[in-house]
PDB file of N, CA and C in Angstrom:
ATOM      1  N   MET A   1     -24.450  -5.255  -4.422  1.00  0.00           N
ATOM      2  CA  MET A   1     -23.875  -5.864  -3.236  1.00  0.00           C
ATOM      3  C   MET A   1     -22.404  -6.243  -3.435  1.00  0.00           C
ATOM      4  N   PRO A   2     -22.019  -6.887  -4.528  1.00  0.00           N
ATOM      5  CA  PRO A   2     -20.601  -7.222  -4.698  1.00  0.00           C
ATOM      6  C   PRO A   2     -19.706  -5.986  -4.766  1.00  0.00           C
ATOM      7  N   VAL A   3     -20.224  -4.899  -5.312  1.00  0.00           N
ATOM      8  CA  VAL A   3     -19.423  -3.681  -5.394  1.00  0.00           C
ATOM      9  C   VAL A   3     -19.159  -3.119  -4.000  1.00  0.00           C
ATOM     10  N   SER A   4     -20.093  -3.284  -3.090  1.00  0.00           N
ATOM     11  CA  SER A   4     -19.893  -2.789  -1.727  1.00  0.00           C
ATOM     12  C   SER A   4     -18.807  -3.584  -1.010  1.00  0.00           C
ATOM     13  N   ILE A   5     -18.688  -4.867  -1.316  1.00  0.00           N
ATOM     14  CA  ILE A   5     -17.614  -5.671  -0.728  1.00  0.00           C
ATOM     15  C   ILE A   5     -16.276  -5.187  -1.246  1.00  0.00           C
ATOM     16  N   LEU A   6     -16.205  -4.947  -2.543  1.00  0.00           N
ATOM     17  CA  LEU A   6     -14.966  -4.445  -3.131  1.00  0.00           C
ATOM     18  C   LEU A   6     -14.591  -3.090  -2.540  1.00  0.00           C
ATOM     19  N   ARG A   7     -15.569  -2.222  -2.412  1.00  0.00           N
ATOM     20  CA  ARG A   7     -15.327  -0.893  -1.852  1.00  0.00           C
ATOM     21  C   ARG A   7     -14.862  -0.982  -0.397  1.00  0.00           C
ATOM     22  N   LEU A   8     -15.456  -1.875   0.385  1.00  0.00           N
ATOM     23  CA  LEU A   8     -15.083  -2.043   1.784  1.00  0.00           C
ATOM     24  C   LEU A   8     -13.636  -2.505   1.914  1.00  0.00           C
ATOM     25  N   VAL A   9     -13.270  -3.508   1.139  1.00  0.00           N
ATOM     26  CA  VAL A   9     -11.910  -4.047   1.231  1.00  0.00           C
ATOM     27  C   VAL A   9     -10.892  -3.017   0.753  1.00  0.00           C
ATOM     28  N   LEU A  10     -11.168  -2.372  -0.372  1.00  0.00           N
ATOM     29  CA  LEU A  10     -10.212  -1.403  -0.904  1.00  0.00           C
ATOM     30  C   LEU A  10     -10.101  -0.160  -0.025  1.00  0.00           C
ATOM     31  N   ARG A  11     -11.164   0.207   0.669  1.00  0.00           N
ATOM     32  CA  ARG A  11     -11.081   1.338   1.598  1.00  0.00           C
ATOM     33  C   ARG A  11     -10.153   1.007   2.761  1.00  0.00           C
ATOM     34  N   GLU A  12     -10.240  -0.225   3.264  1.00  0.00           N
ATOM     35  CA  GLU A  12      -9.350  -0.612   4.355  1.00  0.00           C
ATOM     36  C   GLU A  12      -7.904  -0.715   3.880  1.00  0.00           C
ATOM     37  N   VAL A  13      -7.711  -1.243   2.673  1.00  0.00           N
ATOM     38  CA  VAL A  13      -6.359  -1.313   2.118  1.00  0.00           C
ATOM     39  C   VAL A  13      -5.789   0.091   1.933  1.00  0.00           C
ATOM     40  N   ALA A  14      -6.598   1.003   1.422  1.00  0.00           N
ATOM     41  CA  ALA A  14      -6.136   2.370   1.200  1.00  0.00           C
ATOM     42  C   ALA A  14      -5.804   3.067   2.513  1.00  0.00           C
ATOM     43  N   THR A  15      -6.552   2.790   3.568  1.00  0.00           N
ATOM     44  CA  THR A  15      -6.271   3.386   4.875  1.00  0.00           C
ATOM     45  C   THR A  15      -4.917   2.919   5.407  1.00  0.00           C
ATOM     46  N   VAL A  16      -4.692   1.606   5.359  1.00  0.00           N
ATOM     47  CA  VAL A  16      -3.418   1.071   5.830  1.00  0.00           C
ATOM     48  C   VAL A  16      -2.280   1.564   4.940  1.00  0.00           C
ATOM     49  N   LEU A  17      -2.527   1.639   3.651  1.00  0.00           N
ATOM     50  CA  LEU A  17      -1.520   2.121   2.712  1.00  0.00           C
ATOM     51  C   LEU A  17      -1.151   3.575   3.001  1.00  0.00           C
ATOM     52  N   PHE A  18      -2.140   4.409   3.238  1.00  0.00           N
ATOM     53  CA  PHE A  18      -1.876   5.820   3.518  1.00  0.00           C
ATOM     54  C   PHE A  18      -1.057   5.994   4.790  1.00  0.00           C
ATOM     55  N   VAL A  19      -1.405   5.267   5.835  1.00  0.00           N
ATOM     56  CA  VAL A  19      -0.661   5.366   7.096  1.00  0.00           C
ATOM     57  C   VAL A  19       0.772   4.864   6.893  1.00  0.00           C
ATOM     58  N   GLY A  20       0.929   3.770   6.172  1.00  0.00           N
ATOM     59  CA  GLY A  20       2.262   3.232   5.928  1.00  0.00           C
ATOM     60  C   GLY A  20       3.126   4.138   5.081  1.00  0.00           C
ATOM     61  N   VAL A  21       2.531   4.721   4.046  1.00  0.00           N
ATOM     62  CA  VAL A  21       3.287   5.635   3.188  1.00  0.00           C
ATOM     63  C   VAL A  21       3.685   6.887   3.964  1.00  0.00           C
ATOM     64  N   ALA A  22       2.777   7.410   4.757  1.00  0.00           N
ATOM     65  CA  ALA A  22       3.101   8.606   5.543  1.00  0.00           C
ATOM     66  C   ALA A  22       4.221   8.325   6.532  1.00  0.00           C
ATOM     67  N   ALA A  23       4.143   7.203   7.226  1.00  0.00           N
ATOM     68  CA  ALA A  23       5.198   6.854   8.183  1.00  0.00           C
ATOM     69  C   ALA A  23       6.517   6.580   7.467  1.00  0.00           C
ATOM     70  N   GLY A  24       6.453   5.881   6.340  1.00  0.00           N
ATOM     71  CA  GLY A  24       7.663   5.574   5.592  1.00  0.00           C
ATOM     72  C   GLY A  24       8.345   6.807   5.045  1.00  0.00           C
ATOM     73  N   LEU A  25       7.561   7.750   4.531  1.00  0.00           N
ATOM     74  CA  LEU A  25       8.152   8.981   4.012  1.00  0.00           C
ATOM     75  C   LEU A  25       8.784   9.814   5.122  1.00  0.00           C
ATOM     76  N   CYS A  26       8.115   9.872   6.260  1.00  0.00           N
ATOM     77  CA  CYS A  26       8.697  10.614   7.394  1.00  0.00           C
ATOM     78  C   CYS A  26      10.006   9.985   7.848  1.00  0.00           C
ATOM     79  N   LEU A  27      10.037   8.664   7.943  1.00  0.00           N
ATOM     80  CA  LEU A  27      11.268   7.988   8.355  1.00  0.00           C
ATOM     81  C   LEU A  27      12.359   8.118   7.297  1.00  0.00           C
ATOM     82  N   ALA A  28      11.985   8.062   6.025  1.00  0.00           N
ATOM     83  CA  ALA A  28      12.976   8.188   4.954  1.00  0.00           C
ATOM     84  C   ALA A  28      13.590   9.579   4.947  1.00  0.00           C
ATOM     85  N   LEU A  29      12.766  10.581   5.127  1.00  0.00           N
ATOM     86  CA  LEU A  29      13.295  11.946   5.152  1.00  0.00           C
ATOM     87  C   LEU A  29      14.140  12.207   6.398  1.00  0.00           C
ATOM     88  N   ALA A  30      13.800  11.550   7.493  1.00  0.00           N
ATOM     89  CA  ALA A  30      14.596  11.699   8.709  1.00  0.00           C
ATOM     90  C   ALA A  30      15.932  10.962   8.590  1.00  0.00           C
ATOM     91  N   ALA A  31      15.950   9.881   7.810  1.00  0.00           N
ATOM     92  CA  ALA A  31      17.179   9.092   7.673  1.00  0.00           C
ATOM     93  C   ALA A  31      18.157   9.701   6.681  1.00  0.00           C
ATOM     94  N   VAL A  32      17.756  10.759   5.997  1.00  0.00           N
ATOM     95  CA  VAL A  32      18.624  11.382   4.997  1.00  0.00           C
ATOM     96  C   VAL A  32      19.921  11.864   5.628  1.00  0.00           C
ATOM     97  N   ARG A  33      19.854  12.413   6.799  1.00  0.00           N
ATOM     98  CA  ARG A  33      21.064  12.943   7.452  1.00  0.00           C
ATOM     99  C   ARG A  33      22.067  11.822   7.740  1.00  0.00           C
ATOM    100  N   VAL A  34      21.573  10.676   8.153  1.00  0.00           N
ATOM    101  CA  VAL A  34      22.466   9.550   8.423  1.00  0.00           C
ATOM    102  C   VAL A  34      23.057   9.037   7.115  1.00  0.00           C
ATOM    103  N   LEU A  35      22.243   8.938   6.088  1.00  0.00           N
ATOM    104  CA  LEU A  35      22.715   8.414   4.807  1.00  0.00           C
ATOM    105  C   LEU A  35      23.713   9.349   4.131  1.00  0.00           C
ATOM    106  N   GLU A  36      23.590  10.633   4.376  1.00  0.00           N
ATOM    107  CA  GLU A  36      24.536  11.587   3.779  1.00  0.00           C
ATOM    108  C   GLU A  36      25.970  11.309   4.210  1.00  0.00           C
ATOM    109  N   SER A  37      26.150  10.849   5.419  1.00  0.00           N
ATOM    110  CA  SER A  37      27.506  10.563   5.893  1.00  0.00           C
ATOM    111  C   SER A  37      28.029   9.227   5.370  1.00  0.00           C
ATOM    112  N   LEU A  38      27.133   8.340   4.926  1.00  0.00           N
ATOM    113  CA  LEU A  38      27.555   7.026   4.459  1.00  0.00           C
ATOM    114  C   LEU A  38      27.745   6.949   2.952  1.00  0.00           C
ATOM    115  N   LEU A  39      27.039   7.765   2.197  1.00  0.00           N
ATOM    116  CA  LEU A  39      27.098   7.711   0.736  1.00  0.00           C
ATOM    117  C   LEU A  39      27.998   8.815   0.212  1.00  0.00           C
ATOM    118  N   PHE A  40      29.019   8.443  -0.483  1.00  0.00           N
ATOM    119  CA  PHE A  40      29.944   9.418  -1.037  1.00  0.00           C
ATOM    120  C   PHE A  40      29.712   9.533  -2.537  1.00  0.00           C
ATOM    121  N   GLY A  41      29.516  10.739  -3.009  1.00  0.00           N
ATOM    122  CA  GLY A  41      29.316  10.965  -4.429  1.00  0.00           C
ATOM    123  C   GLY A  41      27.918  10.678  -4.923  1.00  0.00           C
ATOM    124  N   MET A  42      26.965  10.423  -4.024  1.00  0.00           N
ATOM    125  CA  MET A  42      25.586  10.153  -4.424  1.00  0.00           C
ATOM    126  C   MET A  42      24.667  11.149  -3.736  1.00  0.00           C
ATOM    127  N   SER A  43      23.612  11.502  -4.420  1.00  0.00           N
ATOM    128  CA  SER A  43      22.649  12.440  -3.853  1.00  0.00           C
ATOM    129  C   SER A  43      21.639  11.690  -2.985  1.00  0.00           C
ATOM    130  N   THR A  44      21.413  12.160  -1.796  1.00  0.00           N
ATOM    131  CA  THR A  44      20.422  11.531  -0.923  1.00  0.00           C
ATOM    132  C   THR A  44      19.051  12.163  -1.087  1.00  0.00           C
ATOM    133  N   ARG A  45      18.991  13.250  -1.802  1.00  0.00           N
ATOM    134  CA  ARG A  45      17.717  13.933  -2.003  1.00  0.00           C
ATOM    135  C   ARG A  45      17.192  13.675  -3.411  1.00  0.00           C
ATOM    136  N   ASP A  46      17.138  12.411  -3.786  1.00  0.00           N
ATOM    137  CA  ASP A  46      16.661  12.009  -5.106  1.00  0.00           C
ATOM    138  C   ASP A  46      15.154  11.789  -5.025  1.00  0.00           C
ATOM    139  N   SER A  47      14.399  12.821  -5.337  1.00  0.00           N
ATOM    140  CA  SER A  47      12.946  12.752  -5.185  1.00  0.00           C
ATOM    141  C   SER A  47      12.299  11.830  -6.212  1.00  0.00           C
ATOM    142  N   VAL A  48      12.900  11.676  -7.387  1.00  0.00           N
ATOM    143  CA  VAL A  48      12.326  10.798  -8.415  1.00  0.00           C
ATOM    144  C   VAL A  48      12.326   9.352  -7.925  1.00  0.00           C
ATOM    145  N   THR A  49      13.411   8.924  -7.334  1.00  0.00           N
ATOM    146  CA  THR A  49      13.496   7.555  -6.814  1.00  0.00           C
ATOM    147  C   THR A  49      12.517   7.358  -5.661  1.00  0.00           C
ATOM    148  N   LEU A  50      12.400   8.329  -4.804  1.00  0.00           N
ATOM    149  CA  LEU A  50      11.486   8.228  -3.667  1.00  0.00           C
ATOM    150  C   LEU A  50      10.035   8.121  -4.136  1.00  0.00           C
ATOM    151  N   VAL A  51       9.663   8.940  -5.109  1.00  0.00           N
ATOM    152  CA  VAL A  51       8.297   8.894  -5.634  1.00  0.00           C
ATOM    153  C   VAL A  51       8.047   7.590  -6.381  1.00  0.00           C
ATOM    154  N   ALA A  52       9.021   7.138  -7.166  1.00  0.00           N
ATOM    155  CA  ALA A  52       8.855   5.898  -7.921  1.00  0.00           C
ATOM    156  C   ALA A  52       8.699   4.696  -6.993  1.00  0.00           C
ATOM    157  N   ALA A  53       9.501   4.634  -5.952  1.00  0.00           N
ATOM    158  CA  ALA A  53       9.400   3.529  -4.996  1.00  0.00           C
ATOM    159  C   ALA A  53       8.060   3.570  -4.255  1.00  0.00           C
ATOM    160  N   THR A  54       7.612   4.762  -3.899  1.00  0.00           N
ATOM    161  CA  THR A  54       6.327   4.897  -3.219  1.00  0.00           C
ATOM    162  C   THR A  54       5.176   4.448  -4.112  1.00  0.00           C
ATOM    163  N   LEU A  55       5.201   4.860  -5.371  1.00  0.00           N
ATOM    164  CA  LEU A  55       4.148   4.455  -6.297  1.00  0.00           C
ATOM    165  C   LEU A  55       4.169   2.957  -6.570  1.00  0.00           C
ATOM    166  N   LEU A  56       5.344   2.377  -6.698  1.00  0.00           N
ATOM    167  CA  LEU A  56       5.452   0.941  -6.930  1.00  0.00           C
ATOM    168  C   LEU A  56       4.880   0.153  -5.755  1.00  0.00           C
ATOM    169  N   LEU A  57       5.222   0.561  -4.550  1.00  0.00           N
ATOM    170  CA  LEU A  57       4.690  -0.121  -3.372  1.00  0.00           C
ATOM    171  C   LEU A  57       3.183   0.088  -3.221  1.00  0.00           C
ATOM    172  N   ALA A  58       2.691   1.261  -3.600  1.00  0.00           N
ATOM    173  CA  ALA A  58       1.250   1.520  -3.523  1.00  0.00           C
ATOM    174  C   ALA A  58       0.486   0.653  -4.520  1.00  0.00           C
ATOM    175  N   VAL A  59       1.009   0.515  -5.715  1.00  0.00           N
ATOM    176  CA  VAL A  59       0.354  -0.338  -6.718  1.00  0.00           C
ATOM    177  C   VAL A  59       0.361  -1.792  -6.256  1.00  0.00           C
ATOM    178  N   ALA A  60       1.469  -2.252  -5.691  1.00  0.00           N
ATOM    179  CA  ALA A  60       1.546  -3.625  -5.194  1.00  0.00           C
ATOM    180  C   ALA A  60       0.552  -3.861  -4.052  1.00  0.00           C
ATOM    181  N   ALA A  61       0.417  -2.892  -3.160  1.00  0.00           N
ATOM    182  CA  ALA A  61      -0.518  -3.031  -2.039  1.00  0.00           C
ATOM    183  C   ALA A  61      -1.963  -3.045  -2.525  1.00  0.00           C
ATOM    184  N   LEU A  62      -2.285  -2.183  -3.483  1.00  0.00           N
ATOM    185  CA  LEU A  62      -3.652  -2.170  -4.011  1.00  0.00           C
ATOM    186  C   LEU A  62      -3.966  -3.450  -4.768  1.00  0.00           C
ATOM    187  N   ALA A  63      -3.010  -3.987  -5.494  1.00  0.00           N
ATOM    188  CA  ALA A  63      -3.224  -5.264  -6.184  1.00  0.00           C
ATOM    189  C   ALA A  63      -3.397  -6.397  -5.183  1.00  0.00           C
ATOM    190  N   ALA A  64      -2.627  -6.353  -4.101  1.00  0.00           N
ATOM    191  CA  ALA A  64      -2.741  -7.381  -3.067  1.00  0.00           C
ATOM    192  C   ALA A  64      -4.091  -7.321  -2.364  1.00  0.00           C
ATOM    193  N   GLY A  65      -4.720  -6.176  -2.318  1.00  0.00           N
ATOM    194  CA  GLY A  65      -6.060  -6.070  -1.738  1.00  0.00           C
ATOM    195  C   GLY A  65      -7.159  -6.333  -2.745  1.00  0.00           C
ATOM    196  N   TYR A  66      -6.907  -5.980  -4.006  1.00  0.00           N
ATOM    197  CA  TYR A  66      -7.938  -6.118  -5.035  1.00  0.00           C
ATOM    198  C   TYR A  66      -8.193  -7.578  -5.401  1.00  0.00           C
ATOM    199  N   LEU A  67      -7.146  -8.370  -5.508  1.00  0.00           N
ATOM    200  CA  LEU A  67      -7.321  -9.752  -5.951  1.00  0.00           C
ATOM    201  C   LEU A  67      -8.176 -10.582  -4.979  1.00  0.00           C
ATOM    202  N   PRO A  68      -7.945 -10.551  -3.668  1.00  0.00           N
ATOM    203  CA  PRO A  68      -8.841 -11.274  -2.759  1.00  0.00           C
ATOM    204  C   PRO A  68     -10.250 -10.668  -2.709  1.00  0.00           C
ATOM    205  N   ALA A  69     -10.343  -9.367  -2.875  1.00  0.00           N
ATOM    206  CA  ALA A  69     -11.662  -8.729  -2.861  1.00  0.00           C
ATOM    207  C   ALA A  69     -12.475  -9.172  -4.074  1.00  0.00           C
ATOM    208  N   ARG A  70     -11.811  -9.309  -5.206  1.00  0.00           N
ATOM    209  CA  ARG A  70     -12.511  -9.779  -6.407  1.00  0.00           C
ATOM    210  C   ARG A  70     -13.002 -11.199  -6.213  1.00  0.00           C
ATOM    211  N   ARG A  71     -12.213 -12.036  -5.546  1.00  0.00           N
ATOM    212  CA  ARG A  71     -12.650 -13.398  -5.263  1.00  0.00           C
ATOM    213  C   ARG A  71     -13.827 -13.404  -4.287  1.00  0.00           C
ATOM    214  N   ALA A  72     -13.794 -12.522  -3.305  1.00  0.00           N
ATOM    215  CA  ALA A  72     -14.878 -12.443  -2.326  1.00  0.00           C
ATOM    216  C   ALA A  72     -16.170 -11.941  -2.962  1.00  0.00           C
ATOM    217  N   MET A  73     -16.060 -11.160  -4.032  1.00  0.00           N
ATOM    218  CA  MET A  73     -17.261 -10.663  -4.711  1.00  0.00           C
ATOM    219  C   MET A  73     -18.039 -11.790  -5.368  1.00  0.00           C
ATOM    220  N   ARG A  74     -17.368 -12.868  -5.745  1.00  0.00           N
ATOM    221  CA  ARG A  74     -18.029 -13.973  -6.452  1.00  0.00           C
ATOM    222  C   ARG A  74     -18.786 -14.907  -5.518  1.00  0.00           C
ATOM    223  N   ILE A  75     -18.482 -14.875  -4.236  1.00  0.00           N
ATOM    224  CA  ILE A  75     -19.097 -15.802  -3.290  1.00  0.00           C
ATOM    225  C   ILE A  75     -20.431 -15.241  -2.817  1.00  0.00           C
ATOM    226  N   ASP A  76     -21.426 -16.099  -2.800  1.00  0.00           N
ATOM    227  CA  ASP A  76     -22.742 -15.698  -2.282  1.00  0.00           C
ATOM    228  C   ASP A  76     -22.649 -15.606  -0.747  1.00  0.00           C
ATOM    229  N   PRO A  77     -23.097 -14.508  -0.150  1.00  0.00           N
ATOM    230  CA  PRO A  77     -22.976 -14.341   1.298  1.00  0.00           C
ATOM    231  C   PRO A  77     -23.678 -15.453   2.100  1.00  0.00           C
ATOM    232  N   MET A  78     -24.793 -15.933   1.595  1.00  0.00           N
ATOM    233  CA  MET A  78     -25.496 -17.004   2.306  1.00  0.00           C
ATOM    234  C   MET A  78     -24.693 -18.315   2.298  1.00  0.00           C
ATOM    235  N   ASP A  79     -24.034 -18.598   1.188  1.00  0.00           N
ATOM    236  CA  ASP A  79     -23.190 -19.795   1.136  1.00  0.00           C
ATOM    237  C   ASP A  79     -22.016 -19.666   2.091  1.00  0.00           C
ATOM    238  N   ALA A  80     -21.443 -18.485   2.196  1.00  0.00           N
ATOM    239  CA  ALA A  80     -20.341 -18.271   3.119  1.00  0.00           C
ATOM    240  C   ALA A  80     -20.784 -18.433   4.570  1.00  0.00           C
ATOM    241  N   LEU A  81     -21.990 -17.952   4.894  1.00  0.00           N
ATOM    242  CA  LEU A  81     -22.500 -18.104   6.259  1.00  0.00           C
ATOM    243  C   LEU A  81     -22.840 -19.561   6.570  1.00  0.00           C
ATOM    244  N   ARG A  82     -23.357 -20.278   5.599  1.00  0.00           N
ATOM    245  CA  ARG A  82     -23.674 -21.691   5.821  1.00  0.00           C
ATOM    246  C   ARG A  82     -22.403 -22.505   6.017  1.00  0.00           C
ATOM    247  N   TYR A  83     -21.333 -22.134   5.320  1.00  0.00           N
ATOM    248  CA  TYR A  83     -20.078 -22.850   5.443  1.00  0.00           C
ATOM    249  C   TYR A  83     -19.503 -22.708   6.841  1.00  0.00           C
ATOM    250  N   GLU A  84     -19.660 -21.547   7.436  1.00  0.00           N
ATOM    251  CA  GLU A  84     -19.144 -21.306   8.774  1.00  0.00           C
ATOM    252  C   GLU A  84     -19.940 -22.108   9.758  1.00  0.00           C
TER     253      GLU A  84
END
């Protein structure tokens, strides 16, 4: 039962993360043309930085979902319902 709570929370976090990453990457790639005119002497097509930033944000989002889910796994569902 506690594993199902963890799986439920992390599945929702992963869904929101996937949508956010997809939207962010599309917007970042679309903004390259604007940034090319503003940055002199720098490459706007730096894929290593883009991948590193995406992975860092994904790890932070998964940690932000995992920590509350781990706390929720410790609570007995009946105690939570009685508290409400």
